[in-house]
Amino acid sequence: MIDRSLIANFAQRFAAIDRDNLDILEQIYHSEVHFSDPIHDVFGLAALHGYCANLYENVSALHFDFTQLSPIDDEQALLCWTMTYRHPRLAGGRPIQVPGVSQVWFREGKAYRHIDHYDAGALLYEHVPVLGTLIRWLKRRMT
């Protein structure tokens, strides 16, 4: 089973990332990392660095609270989290919270595969004027 301290260290360092310390990525991700989420698919550490730089450039605040860290096997873990962020053009600049889960595979003490699972509508689309109203209406109709 993967060492819990490796998972905890990854989560702690990941949560500490901001626009001023993106060099943390090199400490926790393998050079050949493959990162994906419902909106992006990124290959390689340089591309991940660019993705994160763009992400932090466009938000006024971004924070992850990890609520559960679960080893799965010798190299994989699940990390449950809540992301809180602010974007000046979404939700009137108010904080938006989105729960999610990351599947992370480790090699040589670093993450080489990272998949984020979350509701892209709750993250982005529901907070866009007009489109958000339509998506919320559709969700209510489907439940």
N, C-alpha and C. Protein backbone atom coordinates (compact mmCIF):
# COMPACT_ATOMS: atom_id res chain seq x y z
N MET A 1 0.85 -1.17 0.00
CA MET A 1 0.00 0.00 0.00
C MET A 1 0.90 1.25 0.00
N ILE A 2 0.48 2.25 -0.74
CA ILE A 2 1.25 3.49 -0.84
C ILE A 2 1.37 4.15 0.54
N ASP A 3 2.48 4.77 0.79
CA ASP A 3 2.75 5.42 2.07
C ASP A 3 1.83 6.64 2.25
N ARG A 4 1.09 6.65 3.35
CA ARG A 4 0.17 7.76 3.63
C ARG A 4 0.90 9.10 3.74
N SER A 5 2.13 9.08 4.21
CA SER A 5 2.87 10.34 4.35
C SER A 5 3.16 10.96 2.98
N LEU A 6 3.36 10.14 1.95
CA LEU A 6 3.55 10.66 0.59
C LEU A 6 2.28 11.36 0.12
N ILE A 7 1.14 10.76 0.38
CA ILE A 7 -0.14 11.36 -0.02
C ILE A 7 -0.37 12.66 0.74
N ALA A 8 -0.13 12.63 2.04
CA ALA A 8 -0.33 13.83 2.87
C ALA A 8 0.61 14.96 2.45
N ASN A 9 1.85 14.62 2.14
CA ASN A 9 2.82 15.62 1.69
C ASN A 9 2.38 16.23 0.36
N PHE A 10 1.92 15.39 -0.56
CA PHE A 10 1.42 15.88 -1.85
C PHE A 10 0.26 16.85 -1.63
N ALA A 11 -0.72 16.45 -0.82
CA ALA A 11 -1.90 17.29 -0.58
C ALA A 11 -1.51 18.62 0.07
N GLN A 12 -0.61 18.56 1.03
CA GLN A 12 -0.17 19.79 1.72
C GLN A 12 0.53 20.74 0.75
N ARG A 13 1.43 20.22 -0.05
CA ARG A 13 2.15 21.07 -1.01
C ARG A 13 1.22 21.58 -2.11
N PHE A 14 0.32 20.71 -2.60
CA PHE A 14 -0.63 21.13 -3.63
C PHE A 14 -1.51 22.26 -3.12
N ALA A 15 -2.00 22.14 -1.89
CA ALA A 15 -2.85 23.17 -1.30
C ALA A 15 -2.11 24.49 -1.11
N ALA A 16 -0.79 24.44 -1.04
CA ALA A 16 0.01 25.65 -0.82
C ALA A 16 0.32 26.40 -2.12
N ILE A 17 0.04 25.79 -3.27
CA ILE A 17 0.37 26.42 -4.55
C ILE A 17 -0.45 27.69 -4.75
N ASP A 18 0.22 28.72 -5.23
CA ASP A 18 -0.47 29.94 -5.66
C ASP A 18 0.33 30.55 -6.81
N ARG A 19 -0.09 31.71 -7.27
CA ARG A 19 0.55 32.32 -8.45
C ARG A 19 2.02 32.65 -8.23
N ASP A 20 2.45 32.75 -6.97
CA ASP A 20 3.82 33.15 -6.67
C ASP A 20 4.77 32.01 -6.39
N ASN A 21 4.26 30.77 -6.35
CA ASN A 21 5.17 29.66 -6.02
C ASN A 21 4.89 28.41 -6.88
N LEU A 22 4.69 28.62 -8.15
CA LEU A 22 4.41 27.50 -9.05
C LEU A 22 5.58 26.51 -9.14
N ASP A 23 6.73 26.87 -8.61
CA ASP A 23 7.86 25.95 -8.60
C ASP A 23 7.57 24.72 -7.73
N ILE A 24 6.56 24.79 -6.87
CA ILE A 24 6.15 23.62 -6.09
C ILE A 24 5.75 22.47 -7.02
N LEU A 25 5.21 22.81 -8.18
CA LEU A 25 4.80 21.77 -9.13
C LEU A 25 5.96 20.82 -9.43
N GLU A 26 7.17 21.37 -9.59
CA GLU A 26 8.34 20.54 -9.91
C GLU A 26 8.73 19.63 -8.76
N GLN A 27 8.32 19.99 -7.55
CA GLN A 27 8.64 19.18 -6.37
C GLN A 27 7.69 18.00 -6.21
N ILE A 28 6.46 18.13 -6.74
CA ILE A 28 5.46 17.08 -6.48
C ILE A 28 5.00 16.33 -7.72
N TYR A 29 5.36 16.83 -8.92
CA TYR A 29 4.94 16.16 -10.15
C TYR A 29 6.14 15.64 -10.93
N HIS A 30 5.97 14.48 -11.51
CA HIS A 30 6.95 13.85 -12.39
C HIS A 30 7.06 14.68 -13.68
N SER A 31 8.21 14.69 -14.30
CA SER A 31 8.41 15.49 -15.52
C SER A 31 7.47 15.05 -16.66
N GLU A 32 7.03 13.79 -16.65
CA GLU A 32 6.15 13.29 -17.69
C GLU A 32 4.70 13.16 -17.21
N VAL A 33 4.31 14.04 -16.30
CA VAL A 33 2.97 13.98 -15.72
C VAL A 33 1.88 14.13 -16.79
N HIS A 34 0.79 13.44 -16.57
CA HIS A 34 -0.42 13.58 -17.39
C HIS A 34 -1.53 14.01 -16.43
N PHE A 35 -2.00 15.23 -16.58
CA PHE A 35 -3.05 15.80 -15.75
C PHE A 35 -4.30 15.99 -16.60
N SER A 36 -5.44 15.59 -16.05
CA SER A 36 -6.69 15.83 -16.76
C SER A 36 -7.81 16.11 -15.77
N ASP A 37 -8.78 16.87 -16.27
CA ASP A 37 -10.00 17.15 -15.54
C ASP A 37 -11.12 17.25 -16.57
N PRO A 38 -12.35 17.55 -16.17
CA PRO A 38 -13.43 17.58 -17.17
C PRO A 38 -13.26 18.60 -18.29
N ILE A 39 -12.35 19.55 -18.12
CA ILE A 39 -12.19 20.61 -19.11
C ILE A 39 -10.85 20.58 -19.82
N HIS A 40 -9.81 20.01 -19.19
CA HIS A 40 -8.45 20.07 -19.73
C HIS A 40 -7.79 18.69 -19.76
N ASP A 41 -6.80 18.55 -20.62
CA ASP A 41 -5.96 17.37 -20.70
C ASP A 41 -4.55 17.87 -20.99
N VAL A 42 -3.64 17.70 -20.04
CA VAL A 42 -2.33 18.33 -20.10
C VAL A 42 -1.25 17.25 -19.97
N PHE A 43 -0.25 17.30 -20.85
CA PHE A 43 0.85 16.33 -20.84
C PHE A 43 2.17 17.04 -20.59
N GLY A 44 2.90 16.61 -19.57
CA GLY A 44 4.23 17.13 -19.28
C GLY A 44 4.21 18.24 -18.24
N LEU A 45 5.31 18.33 -17.51
CA LEU A 45 5.43 19.30 -16.44
C LEU A 45 5.39 20.75 -16.94
N ALA A 46 6.02 21.02 -18.07
CA ALA A 46 6.00 22.39 -18.62
C ALA A 46 4.58 22.81 -18.98
N ALA A 47 3.82 21.90 -19.58
CA ALA A 47 2.43 22.21 -19.93
C ALA A 47 1.57 22.39 -18.68
N LEU A 48 1.82 21.58 -17.65
CA LEU A 48 1.08 21.73 -16.39
C LEU A 48 1.41 23.08 -15.74
N HIS A 49 2.66 23.46 -15.80
CA HIS A 49 3.07 24.76 -15.26
C HIS A 49 2.34 25.88 -15.99
N GLY A 50 2.25 25.81 -17.30
CA GLY A 50 1.54 26.81 -18.09
C GLY A 50 0.05 26.84 -17.77
N TYR A 51 -0.55 25.66 -17.62
CA TYR A 51 -1.96 25.56 -17.26
C TYR A 51 -2.21 26.24 -15.91
N CYS A 52 -1.38 25.93 -14.93
CA CYS A 52 -1.56 26.51 -13.58
C CYS A 52 -1.29 28.02 -13.59
N ALA A 53 -0.29 28.47 -14.33
CA ALA A 53 -0.01 29.91 -14.41
C ALA A 53 -1.22 30.64 -14.97
N ASN A 54 -1.83 30.09 -16.01
CA ASN A 54 -3.03 30.69 -16.60
C ASN A 54 -4.20 30.66 -15.62
N LEU A 55 -4.36 29.55 -14.94
CA LEU A 55 -5.44 29.41 -13.96
C LEU A 55 -5.33 30.47 -12.87
N TYR A 56 -4.15 30.58 -12.27
CA TYR A 56 -3.97 31.54 -11.17
C TYR A 56 -3.99 32.98 -11.65
N GLU A 57 -3.69 33.22 -12.91
CA GLU A 57 -3.74 34.57 -13.47
C GLU A 57 -5.19 35.04 -13.60
N ASN A 58 -6.12 34.11 -13.79
CA ASN A 58 -7.50 34.48 -14.06
C ASN A 58 -8.44 34.43 -12.85
N VAL A 59 -7.95 34.00 -11.71
CA VAL A 59 -8.78 33.99 -10.51
C VAL A 59 -8.22 34.97 -9.49
N SER A 60 -9.10 35.48 -8.64
CA SER A 60 -8.61 36.39 -7.60
C SER A 60 -8.29 35.63 -6.32
N ALA A 61 -8.77 34.40 -6.18
CA ALA A 61 -8.44 33.55 -5.05
C ALA A 61 -8.72 32.10 -5.44
N LEU A 62 -7.93 31.19 -4.90
CA LEU A 62 -8.11 29.76 -5.16
C LEU A 62 -7.51 28.98 -4.01
N HIS A 63 -8.31 28.08 -3.43
CA HIS A 63 -7.83 27.30 -2.29
C HIS A 63 -8.46 25.91 -2.30
N PHE A 64 -7.68 24.90 -1.93
CA PHE A 64 -8.15 23.53 -1.81
C PHE A 64 -8.11 23.11 -0.35
N ASP A 65 -9.21 22.55 0.13
CA ASP A 65 -9.27 21.93 1.45
C ASP A 65 -9.43 20.43 1.23
N PHE A 66 -8.42 19.66 1.60
CA PHE A 66 -8.49 18.21 1.45
C PHE A 66 -9.19 17.62 2.67
N THR A 67 -10.20 16.80 2.41
CA THR A 67 -11.01 16.24 3.49
C THR A 67 -10.76 14.76 3.73
N GLN A 68 -10.21 14.08 2.74
CA GLN A 68 -9.91 12.65 2.90
C GLN A 68 -8.79 12.27 1.95
N LEU A 69 -7.84 11.50 2.48
CA LEU A 69 -6.72 11.00 1.69
C LEU A 69 -6.72 9.48 1.84
N SER A 70 -6.95 8.77 0.74
CA SER A 70 -7.12 7.32 0.81
C SER A 70 -6.18 6.59 -0.14
N PRO A 71 -5.25 5.80 0.40
CA PRO A 71 -4.43 4.96 -0.47
C PRO A 71 -5.29 3.87 -1.10
N ILE A 72 -5.01 3.54 -2.36
CA ILE A 72 -5.77 2.52 -3.07
C ILE A 72 -4.93 1.25 -3.26
N ASP A 73 -3.69 1.44 -3.72
CA ASP A 73 -2.80 0.30 -3.93
C ASP A 73 -1.36 0.80 -3.77
N ASP A 74 -0.42 0.14 -4.43
CA ASP A 74 0.99 0.50 -4.26
C ASP A 74 1.39 1.84 -4.87
N GLU A 75 0.55 2.38 -5.78
CA GLU A 75 0.94 3.64 -6.40
C GLU A 75 -0.19 4.65 -6.55
N GLN A 76 -1.42 4.28 -6.21
CA GLN A 76 -2.57 5.15 -6.45
C GLN A 76 -3.24 5.56 -5.15
N ALA A 77 -3.76 6.81 -5.16
CA ALA A 77 -4.51 7.32 -4.01
C ALA A 77 -5.68 8.16 -4.50
N LEU A 78 -6.71 8.25 -3.66
CA LEU A 78 -7.84 9.15 -3.90
C LEU A 78 -7.76 10.27 -2.86
N LEU A 79 -7.92 11.50 -3.34
CA LEU A 79 -7.89 12.66 -2.47
C LEU A 79 -9.20 13.43 -2.65
N CYS A 80 -10.01 13.49 -1.60
CA CYS A 80 -11.28 14.22 -1.65
C CYS A 80 -11.01 15.65 -1.21
N TRP A 81 -11.65 16.60 -1.88
CA TRP A 81 -11.38 18.02 -1.60
C TRP A 81 -12.59 18.89 -1.89
N THR A 82 -12.49 20.10 -1.37
CA THR A 82 -13.41 21.17 -1.75
C THR A 82 -12.54 22.32 -2.22
N MET A 83 -12.81 22.77 -3.42
CA MET A 83 -12.10 23.92 -3.97
C MET A 83 -12.97 25.15 -3.78
N THR A 84 -12.37 26.22 -3.29
CA THR A 84 -13.04 27.51 -3.18
C THR A 84 -12.26 28.50 -4.02
N TYR A 85 -12.97 29.19 -4.91
CA TYR A 85 -12.29 30.16 -5.74
C TYR A 85 -13.18 31.37 -5.98
N ARG A 86 -12.53 32.43 -6.41
CA ARG A 86 -13.22 33.66 -6.81
C ARG A 86 -12.72 34.05 -8.19
N HIS A 87 -13.67 34.40 -9.04
CA HIS A 87 -13.34 34.91 -10.36
C HIS A 87 -14.13 36.20 -10.54
N PRO A 88 -13.48 37.26 -10.97
CA PRO A 88 -14.18 38.55 -11.04
C PRO A 88 -15.40 38.56 -11.95
N ARG A 89 -15.47 37.63 -12.92
CA ARG A 89 -16.60 37.63 -13.86
C ARG A 89 -17.61 36.51 -13.61
N LEU A 90 -17.45 35.80 -12.51
CA LEU A 90 -18.38 34.71 -12.19
C LEU A 90 -18.99 34.94 -10.81
N ALA A 91 -20.29 34.70 -10.70
CA ALA A 91 -21.02 34.80 -9.44
C ALA A 91 -20.82 36.15 -8.76
N GLY A 92 -20.67 37.19 -9.55
CA GLY A 92 -20.48 38.52 -8.98
C GLY A 92 -19.21 38.65 -8.16
N GLY A 93 -18.22 37.80 -8.42
CA GLY A 93 -16.96 37.84 -7.69
C GLY A 93 -17.01 37.17 -6.32
N ARG A 94 -18.18 36.58 -5.98
CA ARG A 94 -18.31 35.90 -4.69
C ARG A 94 -17.60 34.54 -4.74
N PRO A 95 -17.25 33.99 -3.58
CA PRO A 95 -16.60 32.67 -3.55
C PRO A 95 -17.52 31.59 -4.11
N ILE A 96 -16.94 30.68 -4.86
CA ILE A 96 -17.64 29.52 -5.42
C ILE A 96 -16.95 28.29 -4.84
N GLN A 97 -17.74 27.36 -4.31
CA GLN A 97 -17.18 26.12 -3.76
C GLN A 97 -17.61 24.94 -4.62
N VAL A 98 -16.65 24.07 -4.91
CA VAL A 98 -16.91 22.90 -5.73
C VAL A 98 -16.23 21.69 -5.08
N PRO A 99 -16.99 20.64 -4.77
CA PRO A 99 -16.37 19.42 -4.25
C PRO A 99 -15.80 18.60 -5.39
N GLY A 100 -14.77 17.83 -5.09
CA GLY A 100 -14.18 16.97 -6.11
C GLY A 100 -13.31 15.88 -5.51
N VAL A 101 -12.83 15.02 -6.39
CA VAL A 101 -11.95 13.92 -6.01
C VAL A 101 -10.82 13.86 -7.03
N SER A 102 -9.61 13.70 -6.54
CA SER A 102 -8.46 13.50 -7.42
C SER A 102 -7.98 12.06 -7.31
N GLN A 103 -7.76 11.43 -8.45
CA GLN A 103 -7.07 10.15 -8.52
C GLN A 103 -5.64 10.49 -8.88
N VAL A 104 -4.71 10.05 -8.04
CA VAL A 104 -3.31 10.38 -8.28
C VAL A 104 -2.48 9.11 -8.19
N TRP A 105 -1.64 8.90 -9.22
CA TRP A 105 -0.70 7.79 -9.25
C TRP A 105 0.69 8.36 -9.04
N PHE A 106 1.48 7.68 -8.20
CA PHE A 106 2.82 8.15 -7.86
C PHE A 106 3.88 7.21 -8.41
N ARG A 107 4.98 7.81 -8.83
CA ARG A 107 6.16 7.08 -9.29
C ARG A 107 7.37 7.87 -8.81
N GLU A 108 8.31 7.16 -8.19
CA GLU A 108 9.54 7.81 -7.71
C GLU A 108 9.23 8.99 -6.79
N GLY A 109 8.17 8.86 -5.98
CA GLY A 109 7.82 9.88 -5.01
C GLY A 109 7.10 11.10 -5.56
N LYS A 110 6.75 11.06 -6.86
CA LYS A 110 6.07 12.20 -7.48
C LYS A 110 4.85 11.71 -8.25
N ALA A 111 3.88 12.61 -8.40
CA ALA A 111 2.67 12.28 -9.15
C ALA A 111 2.98 12.25 -10.64
N TYR A 112 2.64 11.13 -11.29
CA TYR A 112 2.85 11.05 -12.74
C TYR A 112 1.53 10.99 -13.50
N ARG A 113 0.42 10.72 -12.79
CA ARG A 113 -0.91 10.76 -13.40
C ARG A 113 -1.85 11.36 -12.38
N HIS A 114 -2.62 12.34 -12.81
CA HIS A 114 -3.53 13.05 -11.91
C HIS A 114 -4.82 13.31 -12.68
N ILE A 115 -5.93 12.75 -12.18
CA ILE A 115 -7.23 12.97 -12.79
C ILE A 115 -8.15 13.61 -11.75
N ASP A 116 -8.68 14.78 -12.08
CA ASP A 116 -9.64 15.44 -11.21
C ASP A 116 -11.05 15.14 -11.69
N HIS A 117 -11.91 14.77 -10.75
CA HIS A 117 -13.32 14.52 -11.04
C HIS A 117 -14.15 15.54 -10.28
N TYR A 118 -14.95 16.32 -11.00
CA TYR A 118 -15.84 17.31 -10.39
C TYR A 118 -16.90 17.69 -11.40
N ASP A 119 -17.91 18.40 -10.93
CA ASP A 119 -19.01 18.87 -11.78
C ASP A 119 -18.58 20.16 -12.46
N ALA A 120 -18.31 20.10 -13.75
CA ALA A 120 -17.86 21.29 -14.49
C ALA A 120 -18.93 22.38 -14.50
N GLY A 121 -20.20 21.99 -14.45
CA GLY A 121 -21.27 22.98 -14.37
C GLY A 121 -21.19 23.77 -13.08
N ALA A 122 -20.98 23.06 -11.97
CA ALA A 122 -20.87 23.73 -10.67
C ALA A 122 -19.61 24.59 -10.60
N LEU A 123 -18.58 24.20 -11.30
CA LEU A 123 -17.33 24.96 -11.30
C LEU A 123 -17.45 26.23 -12.12
N LEU A 124 -18.05 26.14 -13.28
CA LEU A 124 -17.98 27.25 -14.22
C LEU A 124 -19.33 27.62 -14.83
N TYR A 125 -19.93 26.72 -15.55
CA TYR A 125 -21.07 27.04 -16.40
C TYR A 125 -22.27 27.60 -15.65
N GLU A 126 -22.52 27.12 -14.43
CA GLU A 126 -23.68 27.60 -13.68
C GLU A 126 -23.52 29.05 -13.23
N HIS A 127 -22.32 29.58 -13.31
CA HIS A 127 -22.05 30.93 -12.83
C HIS A 127 -21.92 31.95 -13.94
N VAL A 128 -22.15 31.51 -15.17
CA VAL A 128 -22.13 32.41 -16.32
C VAL A 128 -23.54 32.94 -16.54
N PRO A 129 -23.71 34.26 -16.63
CA PRO A 129 -25.06 34.80 -16.83
C PRO A 129 -25.76 34.16 -18.04
N VAL A 130 -27.02 33.98 -17.97
CA VAL A 130 -27.90 33.36 -18.96
C VAL A 130 -27.64 31.85 -19.03
N LEU A 131 -26.43 31.44 -19.37
CA LEU A 131 -26.11 30.02 -19.47
C LEU A 131 -26.33 29.34 -18.12
N GLY A 132 -25.93 29.99 -17.03
CA GLY A 132 -26.10 29.42 -15.70
C GLY A 132 -27.56 29.18 -15.36
N THR A 133 -28.41 30.13 -15.73
CA THR A 133 -29.85 29.97 -15.48
C THR A 133 -30.38 28.75 -16.22
N LEU A 134 -29.99 28.58 -17.46
CA LEU A 134 -30.43 27.44 -18.26
C LEU A 134 -29.93 26.12 -17.67
N ILE A 135 -28.68 26.05 -17.27
CA ILE A 135 -28.13 24.81 -16.71
C ILE A 135 -28.81 24.46 -15.39
N ARG A 136 -29.03 25.44 -14.52
CA ARG A 136 -29.72 25.16 -13.26
C ARG A 136 -31.14 24.67 -13.52
N TRP A 137 -31.82 25.26 -14.49
CA TRP A 137 -33.17 24.83 -14.85
C TRP A 137 -33.15 23.38 -15.34
N LEU A 138 -32.20 23.06 -16.20
CA LEU A 138 -32.09 21.69 -16.71
C LEU A 138 -31.81 20.69 -15.59
N LYS A 139 -30.94 21.03 -14.67
CA LYS A 139 -30.64 20.14 -13.55
C LYS A 139 -31.88 19.87 -12.71
N ARG A 140 -32.65 20.92 -12.45
CA ARG A 140 -33.88 20.74 -11.66
C ARG A 140 -34.86 19.83 -12.41
N ARG A 141 -34.98 19.98 -13.70
CA ARG A 141 -35.92 19.19 -14.50
C ARG A 141 -35.51 17.71 -14.54
N MET A 142 -34.23 17.45 -14.44
CA MET A 142 -33.74 16.08 -14.56
C MET A 142 -33.79 15.32 -13.22
N THR A 143 -34.01 16.02 -12.14
CA THR A 143 -34.02 15.32 -10.83
C THR A 143 -35.42 15.11 -10.32
